[in-house]
N, C-alpha and C. Protein backbone atom coordinates (compact mmCIF):
# COMPACT_ATOMS: atom_id res chain seq x y z
N MET A 1 -60.63 35.11 -146.88
CA MET A 1 -60.73 35.65 -145.77
C MET A 1 -60.77 36.95 -145.75
N ASN A 2 -61.15 37.92 -144.93
CA ASN A 2 -60.90 39.25 -145.21
C ASN A 2 -60.49 39.90 -144.14
N SER A 3 -58.72 40.35 -144.53
CA SER A 3 -58.21 40.40 -142.78
C SER A 3 -58.05 42.03 -142.59
N ILE A 4 -58.95 42.67 -143.82
CA ILE A 4 -59.30 44.07 -142.84
C ILE A 4 -60.76 43.99 -142.41
N LEU A 5 -60.49 44.73 -141.31
CA LEU A 5 -62.27 44.66 -140.98
C LEU A 5 -62.78 46.26 -141.36
N SER A 6 -63.75 46.44 -141.07
CA SER A 6 -64.54 47.44 -141.68
C SER A 6 -64.17 48.40 -140.43
N GLN A 7 -64.51 50.00 -141.05
CA GLN A 7 -64.34 50.89 -140.36
C GLN A 7 -65.15 50.90 -139.37
N ASP A 8 -66.72 50.26 -139.29
CA ASP A 8 -67.63 50.44 -138.42
C ASP A 8 -67.41 49.10 -137.25
N THR A 9 -66.77 48.13 -138.14
CA THR A 9 -66.64 47.17 -136.95
C THR A 9 -65.20 47.49 -136.00
N TYR A 10 -64.01 47.89 -136.72
CA TYR A 10 -62.98 48.57 -135.96
C TYR A 10 -63.49 49.03 -134.44
N MET A 11 -64.54 50.33 -134.84
CA MET A 11 -65.08 50.80 -133.50
C MET A 11 -65.57 50.51 -133.02
N MET A 12 -66.27 49.29 -133.17
CA MET A 12 -67.19 48.89 -132.34
C MET A 12 -66.34 47.78 -131.76
N PHE A 13 -64.56 47.41 -131.79
CA PHE A 13 -64.19 46.65 -130.94
C PHE A 13 -63.11 47.93 -130.29
N ALA A 14 -62.86 49.05 -131.04
CA ALA A 14 -62.25 49.86 -130.27
C ALA A 14 -62.88 50.10 -128.75
N ALA A 15 -64.11 50.59 -129.37
CA ALA A 15 -65.25 51.01 -127.85
C ALA A 15 -65.06 49.91 -127.12
N ALA A 16 -65.05 48.38 -127.22
CA ALA A 16 -64.88 47.60 -126.33
C ALA A 16 -63.55 47.71 -125.49
N THR A 17 -62.91 47.43 -126.25
CA THR A 17 -61.44 47.85 -125.81
C THR A 17 -61.46 48.95 -124.78
N LYS A 18 -61.95 50.28 -125.12
CA LYS A 18 -61.58 50.92 -124.09
C LYS A 18 -62.58 51.08 -123.28
N LYS A 19 -63.58 50.23 -122.99
CA LYS A 19 -64.81 49.74 -121.93
C LYS A 19 -63.80 48.95 -120.85
N ALA A 20 -62.81 48.06 -121.53
CA ALA A 20 -62.35 47.16 -120.66
C ALA A 20 -61.45 47.73 -120.27
N ILE A 21 -60.45 48.76 -120.73
CA ILE A 21 -59.77 49.46 -120.05
C ILE A 21 -60.17 50.13 -118.98
N ARG A 22 -61.13 50.97 -119.49
CA ARG A 22 -61.90 51.90 -118.09
C ARG A 22 -62.47 50.66 -116.99
N ASP A 23 -63.15 49.92 -117.43
CA ASP A 23 -63.29 48.65 -116.11
C ASP A 23 -62.53 47.99 -115.38
N ALA A 24 -61.34 48.35 -116.11
CA ALA A 24 -60.36 47.41 -115.33
C ALA A 24 -59.45 48.18 -114.38
N GLY A 25 -59.48 49.42 -114.68
CA GLY A 25 -59.23 50.52 -113.52
C GLY A 25 -58.94 52.08 -114.46
N GLY A 26 -58.10 51.82 -115.35
CA GLY A 26 -58.49 53.06 -116.14
C GLY A 26 -56.97 52.75 -116.99
N PRO A 27 -56.18 53.72 -117.77
CA PRO A 27 -55.28 53.15 -118.81
C PRO A 27 -54.44 53.15 -117.63
N THR A 28 -53.55 54.08 -116.68
CA THR A 28 -52.84 54.34 -115.90
C THR A 28 -52.38 52.94 -115.07
N ALA A 29 -53.59 52.50 -114.15
CA ALA A 29 -53.71 50.80 -113.43
C ALA A 29 -53.66 50.00 -114.85
N VAL A 30 -54.05 50.14 -115.74
CA VAL A 30 -53.83 48.38 -116.27
C VAL A 30 -52.48 48.83 -117.35
N ALA A 31 -51.96 49.59 -117.24
CA ALA A 31 -50.43 50.19 -117.61
C ALA A 31 -49.35 49.49 -116.48
N GLU A 32 -50.10 49.65 -115.48
CA GLU A 32 -49.07 49.06 -114.27
C GLU A 32 -49.13 48.02 -113.93
N ASN A 33 -50.55 47.15 -114.35
CA ASN A 33 -50.93 45.82 -113.90
C ASN A 33 -50.10 44.73 -115.28
N LEU A 34 -49.39 45.39 -116.30
CA LEU A 34 -49.63 44.60 -117.50
C LEU A 34 -47.94 44.96 -117.48
N GLY A 35 -46.98 45.12 -116.53
CA GLY A 35 -46.10 45.35 -116.16
C GLY A 35 -45.33 46.66 -116.50
N GLY A 36 -45.75 47.60 -115.86
CA GLY A 36 -45.24 48.94 -116.16
C GLY A 36 -45.00 49.70 -117.38
N ILE A 37 -45.68 49.26 -118.47
CA ILE A 37 -45.62 49.41 -119.79
C ILE A 37 -46.22 51.46 -119.70
N PRO A 38 -45.15 51.89 -120.47
CA PRO A 38 -45.96 53.45 -120.58
C PRO A 38 -47.74 53.50 -120.79
N ARG A 39 -48.51 54.46 -119.71
CA ARG A 39 -49.53 54.79 -120.21
C ARG A 39 -50.12 54.86 -121.36
N GLN A 40 -49.26 55.84 -122.09
CA GLN A 40 -49.26 56.15 -123.49
C GLN A 40 -49.21 54.85 -124.45
N ASN A 41 -48.89 53.80 -124.14
CA ASN A 41 -49.08 52.73 -124.87
C ASN A 41 -50.58 51.54 -125.13
N VAL A 42 -50.71 52.06 -123.91
CA VAL A 42 -52.49 51.23 -123.27
C VAL A 42 -53.24 52.25 -124.08
N GLU A 43 -53.13 53.35 -124.12
CA GLU A 43 -54.43 54.71 -124.86
C GLU A 43 -53.71 54.38 -126.45
N ARG A 44 -52.78 54.10 -127.13
CA ARG A 44 -52.46 53.97 -128.51
C ARG A 44 -52.76 53.30 -128.79
N TRP A 45 -52.98 51.65 -127.98
CA TRP A 45 -53.40 50.45 -128.53
C TRP A 45 -55.04 50.47 -129.22
N TYR A 46 -55.85 51.77 -128.15
CA TYR A 46 -57.38 51.13 -128.81
C TYR A 46 -57.39 53.12 -129.18
N ALA A 47 -56.40 53.50 -130.00
CA ALA A 47 -56.86 54.85 -130.54
C ALA A 47 -57.54 54.42 -132.18
N MET A 48 -58.25 55.86 -132.67
CA MET A 48 -58.77 55.14 -133.69
C MET A 48 -57.63 56.06 -134.73
N PRO A 49 -57.50 54.91 -135.74
CA PRO A 49 -55.92 55.50 -136.57
C PRO A 49 -56.54 56.80 -137.28
N SER A 50 -55.74 57.44 -137.82
CA SER A 50 -55.94 58.78 -139.11
C SER A 50 -56.56 58.05 -139.97
N ASN A 51 -57.25 58.31 -140.64
CA ASN A 51 -57.71 57.76 -142.37
C ASN A 51 -57.56 59.10 -143.19
N GLY A 52 -56.87 59.19 -143.22
CA GLY A 52 -56.78 60.31 -144.30
C GLY A 52 -57.23 60.14 -145.84
N SER A 53 -57.02 61.57 -146.62
CA SER A 53 -57.36 61.10 -148.02
C SER A 53 -56.51 60.13 -148.90
N GLY A 54 -57.17 58.99 -149.38
CA GLY A 54 -56.32 57.97 -149.79
C GLY A 54 -55.67 57.15 -149.27
N GLU A 55 -55.59 57.10 -147.80
CA GLU A 55 -54.72 56.31 -147.06
C GLU A 55 -55.81 55.29 -147.05
N ARG A 56 -54.81 53.59 -146.50
CA ARG A 56 -55.72 52.35 -146.26
C ARG A 56 -55.96 52.57 -144.83
N PHE A 57 -57.51 52.10 -144.76
CA PHE A 57 -57.56 52.47 -142.83
C PHE A 57 -56.63 50.91 -142.34
N ILE A 58 -56.35 51.22 -141.62
CA ILE A 58 -55.32 49.74 -140.82
C ILE A 58 -55.64 50.19 -139.41
N PRO A 59 -56.46 48.82 -138.72
CA PRO A 59 -56.54 49.43 -137.30
C PRO A 59 -55.62 48.95 -136.84
N ARG A 60 -55.47 50.01 -135.40
CA ARG A 60 -54.69 48.95 -134.44
C ARG A 60 -55.26 48.20 -133.47
N SER A 61 -54.04 47.29 -132.48
CA SER A 61 -54.62 46.58 -132.19
C SER A 61 -54.08 46.18 -130.78
N ILE A 62 -54.56 45.33 -129.48
CA ILE A 62 -53.95 44.74 -128.54
C ILE A 62 -53.63 43.28 -128.85
N PRO A 63 -52.36 43.36 -128.31
CA PRO A 63 -52.16 41.48 -128.67
C PRO A 63 -52.89 41.05 -127.78
N LEU A 64 -53.18 39.64 -127.93
CA LEU A 64 -54.02 38.69 -127.41
C LEU A 64 -54.00 38.17 -126.30
N PHE A 65 -52.86 38.40 -125.85
CA PHE A 65 -52.31 38.25 -124.47
C PHE A 65 -52.53 39.02 -123.65
N ARG A 66 -52.73 40.46 -123.96
CA ARG A 66 -53.06 41.31 -123.47
C ARG A 66 -53.90 41.58 -122.84
N ILE A 67 -55.04 41.29 -124.12
CA ILE A 67 -56.33 41.33 -123.83
C ILE A 67 -57.04 40.73 -122.73
N VAL A 68 -56.23 39.57 -122.68
CA VAL A 68 -56.67 38.45 -121.65
C VAL A 68 -56.27 38.96 -120.45
N GLU A 69 -55.09 39.40 -120.28
CA GLU A 69 -54.75 40.09 -119.00
C GLU A 69 -55.84 41.53 -118.62
N ILE A 70 -56.09 41.82 -119.39
CA ILE A 70 -56.85 42.87 -119.52
C ILE A 70 -58.27 42.60 -118.75
N GLU A 71 -58.98 41.54 -119.35
CA GLU A 71 -59.87 41.12 -118.95
C GLU A 71 -60.21 40.63 -118.02
N ALA A 72 -59.10 40.04 -117.72
CA ALA A 72 -59.16 38.99 -116.37
C ALA A 72 -59.48 40.08 -114.60
N ASP A 73 -58.68 41.31 -115.15
CA ASP A 73 -59.16 42.17 -114.12
C ASP A 73 -60.92 42.43 -114.33
N VAL A 74 -61.44 42.82 -115.48
CA VAL A 74 -62.53 42.94 -115.27
C VAL A 74 -63.16 42.18 -114.99
N VAL A 75 -63.05 40.75 -115.47
CA VAL A 75 -64.28 39.92 -114.88
C VAL A 75 -63.99 39.38 -113.15
N SER A 76 -62.48 39.48 -112.89
CA SER A 76 -62.92 39.22 -111.32
C SER A 76 -63.11 40.49 -110.50
N SER A 77 -63.64 41.45 -111.20
CA SER A 77 -64.65 42.30 -110.25
C SER A 77 -65.77 42.00 -110.58
N GLY A 78 -66.25 41.30 -111.35
CA GLY A 78 -67.62 40.53 -111.94
C GLY A 78 -68.52 40.85 -112.75
N GLY A 79 -67.44 41.69 -113.78
CA GLY A 79 -68.28 42.12 -114.88
C GLY A 79 -67.53 41.31 -116.08
N LEU A 80 -68.67 41.18 -116.87
CA LEU A 80 -68.30 40.32 -118.55
C LEU A 80 -67.01 40.95 -118.88
N PRO A 81 -66.09 39.76 -119.94
CA PRO A 81 -65.25 40.85 -120.56
C PRO A 81 -65.58 41.49 -122.00
N PRO A 82 -65.56 42.54 -121.82
CA PRO A 82 -66.45 43.29 -122.98
C PRO A 82 -65.59 43.14 -124.68
N ILE A 83 -64.41 42.58 -124.51
CA ILE A 83 -63.42 42.37 -125.76
C ILE A 83 -64.19 41.04 -126.28
N THR A 84 -64.09 40.48 -125.69
CA THR A 84 -64.72 38.89 -125.74
C THR A 84 -66.05 38.78 -126.09
N ARG A 85 -66.73 39.88 -125.27
CA ARG A 85 -68.03 39.92 -125.65
C ARG A 85 -68.77 40.66 -127.56
N ALA A 86 -67.72 41.40 -127.57
CA ALA A 86 -68.06 41.98 -128.76
C ALA A 86 -67.46 41.11 -129.92
N ILE A 87 -66.32 40.25 -129.86
CA ILE A 87 -66.11 39.63 -130.91
C ILE A 87 -67.05 38.24 -130.61
N ALA A 88 -67.35 37.70 -129.82
CA ALA A 88 -68.95 36.68 -129.95
C ALA A 88 -70.07 37.53 -130.86
N SER A 89 -70.25 38.60 -130.41
CA SER A 89 -71.50 39.39 -131.05
C SER A 89 -71.01 39.35 -132.63
N TYR A 90 -69.88 39.82 -132.91
CA TYR A 90 -69.67 39.79 -134.07
C TYR A 90 -69.90 38.85 -135.07
N HIS A 91 -69.33 37.37 -134.44
CA HIS A 91 -69.41 36.57 -134.94
C HIS A 91 -70.89 35.77 -134.77
N GLY A 92 -71.64 36.54 -134.28
CA GLY A 92 -73.08 36.03 -134.21
C GLY A 92 -73.51 35.00 -132.90
N PHE A 93 -72.71 35.24 -131.99
CA PHE A 93 -73.12 34.33 -131.17
C PHE A 93 -72.93 35.41 -129.55
N ASP A 94 -73.40 34.72 -128.25
CA ASP A 94 -74.03 35.63 -127.05
C ASP A 94 -73.13 34.88 -126.35
N LEU A 95 -71.98 35.82 -125.56
CA LEU A 95 -71.60 35.57 -124.30
C LEU A 95 -72.26 35.23 -123.11
N LEU A 96 -72.18 34.09 -122.15
CA LEU A 96 -72.91 34.04 -121.02
C LEU A 96 -72.02 33.62 -119.96
N ARG A 97 -72.33 33.81 -118.81
CA ARG A 97 -71.13 33.46 -117.45
C ARG A 97 -71.89 32.05 -117.34
N ARG A 98 -70.62 31.01 -117.25
CA ARG A 98 -71.37 30.03 -116.23
C ARG A 98 -71.63 30.29 -115.10
N THR A 99 -72.77 29.79 -114.67
CA THR A 99 -73.38 30.23 -112.95
C THR A 99 -73.02 28.41 -112.56
N ASP A 100 -73.01 27.59 -112.92
CA ASP A 100 -73.11 26.18 -112.40
C ASP A 100 -72.15 25.66 -112.93
N LYS A 101 -70.98 25.63 -111.97
CA LYS A 101 -69.69 24.94 -112.96
C LYS A 101 -69.92 23.02 -112.38
N THR A 102 -70.31 22.75 -111.53
CA THR A 102 -70.73 21.59 -111.40
C THR A 102 -71.71 20.84 -112.49
N SER A 103 -72.61 21.33 -112.93
CA SER A 103 -73.43 20.70 -114.28
C SER A 103 -72.96 20.68 -115.26
N ALA A 104 -71.85 21.13 -115.72
CA ALA A 104 -71.14 22.01 -116.83
C ALA A 104 -70.41 20.43 -117.68
N GLY A 105 -70.14 19.52 -116.82
CA GLY A 105 -69.87 18.77 -117.80
C GLY A 105 -70.82 17.32 -117.86
N ASN A 106 -71.62 17.30 -116.54
CA ASN A 106 -73.06 16.56 -116.38
C ASN A 106 -74.03 16.97 -116.72
N PRO A 107 -74.32 15.97 -118.26
CA PRO A 107 -75.90 16.47 -118.83
C PRO A 107 -77.36 16.15 -117.98
N VAL A 108 -76.89 15.11 -117.60
CA VAL A 108 -78.12 15.04 -116.52
C VAL A 108 -78.08 15.81 -115.32
N LEU A 109 -77.18 16.35 -115.07
CA LEU A 109 -77.43 17.76 -114.04
C LEU A 109 -77.43 18.65 -114.84
N ALA A 110 -77.10 18.80 -115.69
CA ALA A 110 -76.98 20.58 -116.53
C ALA A 110 -78.83 20.57 -116.59
N ILE A 111 -79.27 19.12 -117.05
CA ILE A 111 -80.71 19.42 -117.07
C ILE A 111 -81.26 19.44 -116.00
N GLY A 112 -81.18 19.00 -114.97
CA GLY A 112 -81.50 18.92 -113.84
C GLY A 112 -81.98 20.71 -113.34
N HIS A 113 -80.46 21.42 -113.94
CA HIS A 113 -80.72 22.61 -113.26
C HIS A 113 -81.51 23.61 -114.16
N LEU A 114 -81.20 22.87 -115.48
CA LEU A 114 -82.24 24.01 -116.88
C LEU A 114 -83.47 23.72 -116.20
N MET A 115 -84.15 22.69 -115.74
CA MET A 115 -85.68 22.54 -115.56
C MET A 115 -85.63 23.09 -114.29
N LYS A 116 -84.94 23.25 -113.05
CA LYS A 116 -85.08 23.98 -112.06
C LYS A 116 -85.52 25.35 -112.17
N GLU A 117 -84.48 25.72 -113.11
CA GLU A 117 -84.80 27.43 -113.67
C GLU A 117 -85.73 27.66 -114.42
N ALA A 118 -85.94 26.72 -115.21
CA ALA A 118 -87.30 27.10 -116.05
C ALA A 118 -88.64 26.97 -115.01
N GLY A 119 -88.47 26.41 -114.37
CA GLY A 119 -90.09 26.30 -112.99
C GLY A 119 -89.83 27.33 -112.35
N ALA A 120 -88.67 27.80 -112.08
CA ALA A 120 -88.34 28.96 -111.33
C ALA A 120 -89.02 30.68 -112.29
N ALA A 121 -88.60 30.49 -113.57
CA ALA A 121 -89.11 31.52 -114.29
C ALA A 121 -90.69 31.56 -114.60
N CYS A 122 -90.78 30.17 -114.73
CA CYS A 122 -92.79 30.16 -115.10
C CYS A 122 -93.56 30.54 -113.88
N GLU A 123 -93.05 30.77 -112.56
CA GLU A 123 -93.46 30.67 -111.68
C GLU A 123 -93.73 32.13 -111.26
N THR A 124 -92.40 32.85 -111.65
CA THR A 124 -92.09 34.38 -111.89
C THR A 124 -93.18 35.35 -112.59
N VAL A 125 -93.05 34.65 -113.80
CA VAL A 125 -93.84 35.42 -115.13
C VAL A 125 -95.54 34.89 -114.61
N THR A 126 -95.68 33.80 -114.46
CA THR A 126 -96.87 33.53 -114.03
C THR A 126 -97.52 34.70 -112.90
N ASP A 127 -96.72 34.83 -111.96
CA ASP A 127 -96.96 35.77 -110.78
C ASP A 127 -97.39 37.09 -111.31
N ALA A 128 -96.35 37.28 -111.89
CA ALA A 128 -96.17 38.77 -112.65
C ALA A 128 -97.78 39.25 -113.11
N VAL A 129 -98.22 38.26 -114.36
CA VAL A 129 -99.09 38.86 -115.35
C VAL A 129 -100.64 38.50 -114.06
N ALA A 130 -100.21 37.86 -113.26
CA ALA A 130 -101.65 37.20 -112.70
C ALA A 130 -102.74 38.35 -112.15
N ASP A 131 -102.13 39.65 -112.21
CA ASP A 131 -103.31 40.67 -112.03
C ASP A 131 -103.16 41.76 -113.22
N GLY A 132 -102.49 41.14 -114.36
CA GLY A 132 -103.02 42.61 -115.40
C GLY A 132 -101.67 43.34 -115.91
N VAL A 133 -101.09 43.23 -114.91
CA VAL A 133 -99.93 44.48 -114.60
C VAL A 133 -98.93 43.88 -114.08
N ILE A 134 -97.89 44.23 -115.10
CA ILE A 134 -96.40 44.11 -114.54
C ILE A 134 -95.66 45.18 -114.09
N THR A 135 -95.27 45.16 -113.06
CA THR A 135 -94.54 46.28 -112.37
C THR A 135 -93.42 46.66 -112.59
N ALA A 136 -92.56 47.36 -112.39
CA ALA A 136 -91.27 47.56 -112.76
C ALA A 136 -90.36 46.44 -112.13
N ASP A 137 -90.45 46.16 -110.88
CA ASP A 137 -89.82 45.37 -110.00
C ASP A 137 -90.32 43.68 -110.72
N GLU A 138 -91.55 43.46 -110.64
CA GLU A 138 -91.86 42.18 -111.65
C GLU A 138 -91.05 42.27 -112.98
N LYS A 139 -90.99 42.98 -113.76
CA LYS A 139 -90.31 43.11 -114.99
C LYS A 139 -88.66 42.50 -114.87
N GLN A 140 -88.39 43.15 -113.78
CA GLN A 140 -86.42 43.06 -113.58
C GLN A 140 -86.58 41.52 -113.30
N LYS A 141 -87.22 41.00 -112.36
CA LYS A 141 -87.22 39.89 -111.81
C LYS A 141 -87.68 38.93 -112.71
N CYS A 142 -88.38 39.04 -113.79
CA CYS A 142 -88.75 37.97 -114.66
C CYS A 142 -87.24 38.20 -115.62
N ILE A 143 -86.91 39.12 -116.36
CA ILE A 143 -85.69 39.39 -116.69
C ILE A 143 -84.44 38.21 -116.27
N SER A 144 -84.39 38.62 -115.32
CA SER A 144 -83.48 37.89 -114.39
C SER A 144 -83.69 36.44 -114.33
N ASP A 145 -85.01 35.92 -114.16
CA ASP A 145 -85.24 34.47 -114.41
C ASP A 145 -85.13 33.83 -115.70
N LEU A 146 -85.57 34.33 -116.37
CA LEU A 146 -85.50 34.29 -117.78
C LEU A 146 -84.20 33.84 -118.46
N GLN A 147 -83.38 35.26 -117.76
CA GLN A 147 -81.85 34.91 -118.20
C GLN A 147 -80.98 33.69 -117.94
N LYS A 148 -81.62 33.49 -116.44
CA LYS A 148 -80.98 32.29 -115.60
C LYS A 148 -81.41 30.84 -116.58
N VAL A 149 -82.45 30.88 -117.50
CA VAL A 149 -83.05 30.05 -117.96
C VAL A 149 -82.51 29.73 -119.40
N ILE A 150 -81.72 30.99 -120.18
CA ILE A 150 -80.96 31.04 -120.92
C ILE A 150 -79.76 30.66 -120.95
N GLU A 151 -79.08 31.07 -119.71
CA GLU A 151 -77.52 30.72 -119.18
C GLU A 151 -77.64 28.73 -119.19
N ALA A 152 -78.85 28.39 -117.95
CA ALA A 152 -78.77 27.16 -118.20
C ALA A 152 -79.04 26.56 -119.13
N ALA A 153 -79.80 26.66 -120.34
CA ALA A 153 -79.81 25.87 -121.62
C ALA A 153 -78.81 26.02 -122.10
N SER A 154 -78.29 27.34 -122.28
CA SER A 154 -76.59 26.66 -122.86
C SER A 154 -75.60 26.08 -122.57
N GLN A 155 -75.90 25.93 -120.50
CA GLN A 155 -74.50 24.87 -120.25
C GLN A 155 -75.61 23.72 -120.76
N ALA A 156 -76.79 23.50 -120.80
CA ALA A 156 -76.82 22.06 -120.95
C ALA A 156 -76.67 21.27 -121.86
N LEU A 157 -76.87 22.58 -123.33
CA LEU A 157 -76.53 22.30 -124.41
C LEU A 157 -75.08 22.12 -124.79
N GLY A 158 -74.51 22.45 -123.98
CA GLY A 158 -72.92 22.31 -124.34
C GLY A 158 -72.20 21.15 -123.54
N SER A 159 -72.89 21.08 -122.31
CA SER A 159 -72.39 19.68 -121.46
C SER A 159 -73.13 18.57 -122.57
N LEU A 160 -74.40 18.61 -123.21
CA LEU A 160 -75.19 17.36 -124.27
C LEU A 160 -74.12 17.31 -125.62
N ALA A 161 -73.70 18.10 -125.87
CA ALA A 161 -72.97 18.44 -127.09
C ALA A 161 -71.36 17.77 -126.90
N GLY A 162 -71.13 17.62 -125.44
CA GLY A 162 -69.62 17.42 -125.43
C GLY A 162 -69.63 16.19 -124.60
N ALA A 163 -70.91 15.45 -124.35
CA ALA A 163 -70.99 14.21 -123.70
C ALA A 163 -70.69 13.14 -124.36
N ASP A 164 -70.19 12.35 -124.15
CA ASP A 164 -70.34 10.48 -124.35
C ASP A 164 -71.64 9.89 -124.30
N CYS A 165 -72.24 9.94 -124.73
CA CYS A 165 -73.93 8.94 -124.76
C CYS A 165 -73.77 7.77 -125.26
N ASP A 166 -74.29 6.57 -124.77
CA ASP A 166 -74.53 5.34 -125.72
C ASP A 166 -75.84 5.38 -126.38
N ALA A 167 -75.51 4.75 -127.69
CA ALA A 167 -76.44 4.52 -128.52
C ALA A 167 -77.35 3.98 -128.39
N ASP A 168 -78.64 3.92 -128.21
CA ASP A 168 -79.54 2.59 -127.96
C ASP A 168 -79.69 2.17 -129.69
């Protein structure tokens, strides 16, 4: 296991942390929300450490429970958690918001939801390409509907992977 991240990877996480803190109201608001810690500590946690000649690059980090608290503010305002999203990306995964919690544990409902979203996306794409020109509005609608299909497929896959199924 590599215990020290590369400088590029650290910079990606530092940028995600800065975004999370900005999206959660800025360093002052985050410091207040985290129990009145000094603002400088919030800024210091994601500051780029100096890397003088011959010094080993040692990144600074925010404790995990603080990341959860910061990202809770971002998520409650409708955003995706930027640090969690960066970690998922680093490991080769995409982070998707669950949109239909009722089908998350039921494979039949999850697959039904996927089929509904796929049908809607097919209709949107067919309408968009019917005249041979895709307008900016049509493009956005297609992207939105296809994103819904991806999210529904992810939910269906997760639901199926965790389901107790009878073997025939």
